[in-house]
C-alpha atoms as a PDB file:
ATOM      1  CA  MET A   1       8.326  10.769  -4.736  1.00  0.00           C
ATOM      2  CA  CYS A   2       6.951   8.075  -7.063  1.00  0.00           C
ATOM      3  CA  ASP A   3       4.171   5.639  -6.391  1.00  0.00           C
ATOM      4  CA  SER A   4       4.823   1.941  -7.040  1.00  0.00           C
ATOM      5  CA  ASN A   5       3.015   1.939 -10.374  1.00  0.00           C
ATOM      6  CA  VAL A   6       5.575   4.350 -11.858  1.00  0.00           C
ATOM      7  CA  TYR A   7       8.350   1.840 -11.190  1.00  0.00           C
ATOM      8  CA  ILE A   8       6.220  -1.095 -12.335  1.00  0.00           C
ATOM      9  CA  PHE A   9       5.385   0.687 -15.595  1.00  0.00           C
ATOM     10  CA  ALA A  10       9.033   1.658 -16.114  1.00  0.00           C
ATOM     11  CA  PHE A  11      10.484  -1.828 -15.520  1.00  0.00           C
ATOM     12  CA  GLY A  12       7.635  -4.283 -16.065  1.00  0.00           C
ATOM     13  CA  ILE A  13       6.058  -5.840 -19.103  1.00  0.00           C
ATOM     14  CA  ALA A  14       3.328  -3.167 -19.460  1.00  0.00           C
ATOM     15  CA  LYS A  15       5.691  -0.300 -20.230  1.00  0.00           C
ATOM     16  CA  HIS A  16       4.690   3.362 -20.100  1.00  0.00           C
ATOM     17  CA  PRO A  17       7.409   5.402 -21.833  1.00  0.00           C
ATOM     18  CA  GLY A  18       6.770   8.446 -19.642  1.00  0.00           C
ATOM     19  CA  CYS A  19       7.536   6.471 -16.486  1.00  0.00           C
ATOM     20  CA  ALA A  20      10.834   5.214 -17.890  1.00  0.00           C
ATOM     21  CA  ARG A  21      11.781   8.718 -19.083  1.00  0.00           C
ATOM     22  CA  LEU A  22      10.981  10.212 -15.694  1.00  0.00           C
ATOM     23  CA  LEU A  23      13.169   7.711 -13.853  1.00  0.00           C
ATOM     24  CA  LYS A  24      15.968   8.204 -16.364  1.00  0.00           C
ATOM     25  CA  THR A  25      15.782  11.958 -15.777  1.00  0.00           C
ATOM     26  CA  CYS A  26      15.942  11.460 -12.003  1.00  0.00           C
ATOM     27  CA  VAL A  27      19.003   9.219 -12.367  1.00  0.00           C
ATOM     28  CA  GLU A  28      20.755  11.637 -14.738  1.00  0.00           C
ATOM     29  CA  TYR A  29      20.095  14.655 -12.499  1.00  0.00           C
ATOM     30  CA  PRO A  30      19.959  13.314  -8.934  1.00  0.00           C
ATOM     31  CA  LYS A  31      20.737  16.652  -7.290  1.00  0.00           C
ATOM     32  CA  ALA A  32      17.940  18.416  -9.151  1.00  0.00           C
ATOM     33  CA  HIS A  33      15.350  15.652  -8.702  1.00  0.00           C
ATOM     34  CA  ARG A  34      15.707  13.860  -5.394  1.00  0.00           C
ATOM     35  CA  MET A  35      13.911  10.529  -5.126  1.00  0.00           C
ATOM     36  CA  ARG A  36      12.489   9.013  -1.934  1.00  0.00           C
ATOM     37  CA  ILE A  37      10.983   5.551  -1.500  1.00  0.00           C
ATOM     38  CA  CYS A  38       9.508   3.603   1.382  1.00  0.00           C
ATOM     39  CA  ARG A  39       9.586  -0.118   2.124  1.00  0.00           C
ATOM     40  CA  THR A  40       5.886  -0.536   1.251  1.00  0.00           C
ATOM     41  CA  ILE A  41       6.482   0.681  -2.298  1.00  0.00           C
ATOM     42  CA  VAL A  42       9.580  -1.501  -2.732  1.00  0.00           C
ATOM     43  CA  GLU A  43       7.593  -4.562  -1.648  1.00  0.00           C
ATOM     44  CA  GLU A  44       4.692  -3.759  -3.971  1.00  0.00           C
ATOM     45  CA  VAL A  45       7.108  -3.314  -6.870  1.00  0.00           C
ATOM     46  CA  ARG A  46       8.796  -6.628  -6.014  1.00  0.00           C
ATOM     47  CA  ASP A  47       5.429  -8.383  -6.082  1.00  0.00           C
ATOM     48  CA  ASN A  48       4.727  -7.071  -9.597  1.00  0.00           C
ATOM     49  CA  LEU A  49       8.055  -7.545 -11.401  1.00  0.00           C
ATOM     50  CA  THR A  50      10.039 -10.557 -12.500  1.00  0.00           C
ATOM     51  CA  THR A  51      13.233 -11.325 -10.609  1.00  0.00           C
ATOM     52  CA  GLN A  52      15.357  -9.728 -13.353  1.00  0.00           C
ATOM     53  CA  GLU A  53      13.154  -6.621 -13.561  1.00  0.00           C
ATOM     54  CA  PHE A  54      13.317  -6.270  -9.778  1.00  0.00           C
ATOM     55  CA  ARG A  55      17.133  -6.505  -9.876  1.00  0.00           C
ATOM     56  CA  GLU A  56      17.194  -3.639 -12.383  1.00  0.00           C
ATOM     57  CA  PHE A  57      14.836  -1.640 -10.160  1.00  0.00           C
ATOM     58  CA  ILE A  58      17.042  -2.209  -7.093  1.00  0.00           C
ATOM     59  CA  GLY A  59      20.080  -1.177  -9.150  1.00  0.00           C
ATOM     60  CA  LEU A  60      18.360   2.112  -9.954  1.00  0.00           C
ATOM     61  CA  LEU A  61      17.427   2.678  -6.321  1.00  0.00           C
ATOM     62  CA  ASN A  62      20.935   1.974  -5.098  1.00  0.00           C
ATOM     63  CA  SER A  63      22.292   4.563  -7.528  1.00  0.00           C
ATOM     64  CA  VAL A  64      20.044   7.423  -6.353  1.00  0.00           C
ATOM     65  CA  THR A  65      18.477   6.834  -2.939  1.00  0.00           C
ATOM     66  CA  SER A  66      18.002   4.520   0.018  1.00  0.00           C
ATOM     67  CA  ILE A  67      14.864   2.851   1.319  1.00  0.00           C
ATOM     68  CA  ASP A  68      12.987   4.496   4.183  1.00  0.00           C
ATOM     69  CA  GLU A  69      11.460   2.052   6.643  1.00  0.00           C
ATOM     70  CA  ASP A  70       7.707   2.458   7.068  1.00  0.00           C
ATOM     71  CA  PHE A  71       7.835   2.560  10.865  1.00  0.00           C
ATOM     72  CA  PHE A  72       9.515   5.983  10.762  1.00  0.00           C
ATOM     73  CA  VAL A  73       6.334   7.585   9.400  1.00  0.00           C
ATOM     74  CA  PRO A  74       4.288   8.854  12.359  1.00  0.00           C
ATOM     75  CA  PHE A  75       1.146   6.811  12.907  1.00  0.00           C
ATOM     76  CA  GLU A  76      -0.825  10.002  13.530  1.00  0.00           C
ATOM     77  CA  LEU A  77       0.001  11.267  10.046  1.00  0.00           C
ATOM     78  CA  GLY A  78      -1.467   8.147   8.433  1.00  0.00           C
ATOM     79  CA  SER A  79      -4.496   8.382  10.710  1.00  0.00           C
ATOM     80  CA  LYS A  80      -5.053  11.958   9.558  1.00  0.00           C
ATOM     81  CA  TYR A  81      -5.421  10.752   5.953  1.00  0.00           C
ATOM     82  CA  GLU A  82      -7.614   7.801   6.940  1.00  0.00           C
ATOM     83  CA  TRP A  83      -9.850  10.262   8.786  1.00  0.00           C
ATOM     84  CA  LYS A  84     -10.115  12.205   5.516  1.00  0.00           C
ATOM     85  CA  GLY A  85     -11.559   9.068   3.929  1.00  0.00           C
ATOM     86  CA  LEU A  86      -8.548   7.405   2.311  1.00  0.00           C
ATOM     87  CA  LYS A  87      -8.075   3.653   2.411  1.00  0.00           C
ATOM     88  CA  PRO A  88      -5.234   2.581   4.757  1.00  0.00           C
ATOM     89  CA  ALA A  89      -2.662   1.880   1.994  1.00  0.00           C
ATOM     90  CA  ASP A  90      -3.436   5.154   0.223  1.00  0.00           C
ATOM     91  CA  ALA A  91      -3.415   7.031   3.532  1.00  0.00           C
ATOM     92  CA  PHE A  92       0.051   5.642   4.221  1.00  0.00           C
ATOM     93  CA  ILE A  93       1.370   6.781   0.801  1.00  0.00           C
ATOM     94  CA  ALA A  94      -0.065  10.266   1.410  1.00  0.00           C
ATOM     95  CA  ALA A  95       1.412  10.317   4.930  1.00  0.00           C
ATOM     96  CA  TYR A  96       4.808   9.196   3.672  1.00  0.00           C
ATOM     97  CA  THR A  97       4.777  11.831   0.924  1.00  0.00           C
ATOM     98  CA  GLU A  98       4.008  14.530   3.473  1.00  0.00           C
ATOM     99  CA  TRP A  99       6.506  13.148   6.004  1.00  0.00           C
ATOM    100  CA  VAL A 100       9.431  13.331   3.559  1.00  0.00           C
ATOM    101  CA  GLY A 101       8.389  16.840   2.550  1.00  0.00           C
ATOM    102  CA  ALA A 102       7.935  15.912  -1.102  1.00  0.00           C
ATOM    103  CA  ALA A 103       6.445  18.584  -3.317  1.00  0.00           C
ATOM    104  CA  LEU A 104       5.108  15.922  -5.705  1.00  0.00           C
ATOM    105  CA  LEU A 105       3.690  12.434  -5.694  1.00  0.00           C
ATOM    106  CA  VAL A 106       4.037  10.951  -9.161  1.00  0.00           C
ATOM    107  CA  SER A 107       1.438   8.280  -9.810  1.00  0.00           C
ATOM    108  CA  GLU A 108      -0.389   6.702 -12.694  1.00  0.00           C
ATOM    109  CA  ASN A 109      -3.439   5.692 -10.668  1.00  0.00           C
ATOM    110  CA  ARG A 110      -3.907   7.863  -7.592  1.00  0.00           C
ATOM    111  CA  HIS A 111      -6.245  10.237  -9.401  1.00  0.00           C
ATOM    112  CA  PHE A 112      -8.559  10.507  -6.420  1.00  0.00           C
ATOM    113  CA  LEU A 113      -5.726  12.152  -4.489  1.00  0.00           C
ATOM    114  CA  SER A 114      -5.283  14.741  -7.235  1.00  0.00           C
ATOM    115  CA  ARG A 115      -8.907  15.820  -6.736  1.00  0.00           C
ATOM    116  CA  ARG A 116      -8.225  16.770  -3.126  1.00  0.00           C
ATOM    117  CA  SER A 117      -7.334  20.405  -2.651  1.00  0.00           C
ATOM    118  CA  ASP A 118      -6.169  19.989   0.942  1.00  0.00           C
ATOM    119  CA  LEU A 119      -2.991  17.989   0.302  1.00  0.00           C
ATOM    120  CA  PRO A 120       0.406  19.529   1.102  1.00  0.00           C
ATOM    121  CA  PHE A 121       1.796  18.117  -2.182  1.00  0.00           C
ATOM    122  CA  LYS A 122       0.711  17.855  -5.814  1.00  0.00           C
ATOM    123  CA  VAL A 123      -0.226  14.567  -7.486  1.00  0.00           C
ATOM    124  CA  LEU A 124       0.945  14.329 -11.102  1.00  0.00           C
ATOM    125  CA  SER A 125       1.302  11.620 -13.723  1.00  0.00           C
ATOM    126  CA  ALA A 126       4.790  10.850 -15.036  1.00  0.00           C
ATOM    127  CA  GLU A 127       4.058  12.851 -18.213  1.00  0.00           C
ATOM    128  CA  GLN A 128       2.784  15.830 -16.198  1.00  0.00           C
ATOM    129  CA  CYS A 129       5.883  15.667 -14.028  1.00  0.00           C
ATOM    130  CA  LEU A 130       8.180  15.549 -17.062  1.00  0.00           C
ATOM    131  CA  THR A 131       6.432  18.617 -18.485  1.00  0.00           C
ATOM    132  CA  ARG A 132       6.815  20.428 -15.166  1.00  0.00           C
ATOM    133  CA  ILE A 133      10.504  19.488 -14.943  1.00  0.00           C
ATOM    134  CA  SER A 134      11.178  20.701 -18.500  1.00  0.00           C
ATOM    135  CA  LEU A 135       9.534  24.049 -17.699  1.00  0.00           C
ATOM    136  CA  THR A 136      11.618  24.567 -14.548  1.00  0.00           C
ATOM    137  CA  PRO A 137      14.819  26.522 -15.190  1.00  0.00           C
END
């Protein structure tokens, strides 16, 4: 599971090569690296890309996954993360990541989540994720 900033950095003007490489890897090996995305992330990406960049992003999504609607994520799961002190938007991303059963949340700016030892998933940067993928047989 990737946070919105990974997509923004892969498609937008402020490019991060690791983000683009990670997405390319996920597209090339969709069975080995399953992607999930929720409506909230799609909307945030849309708000931060040009129309053409967003079209390219949607093309990538359509080739590897479908969009999960936010209302499927149990409210109680988001509340659990808010109770732990996360802001509502961050609590939702954590809840969604747990709800889909993702082992990883790839993000370039959710470092506060990576400091929490009680999460049921790991938080890695795109570069850290690429290193982990390359080490996995």
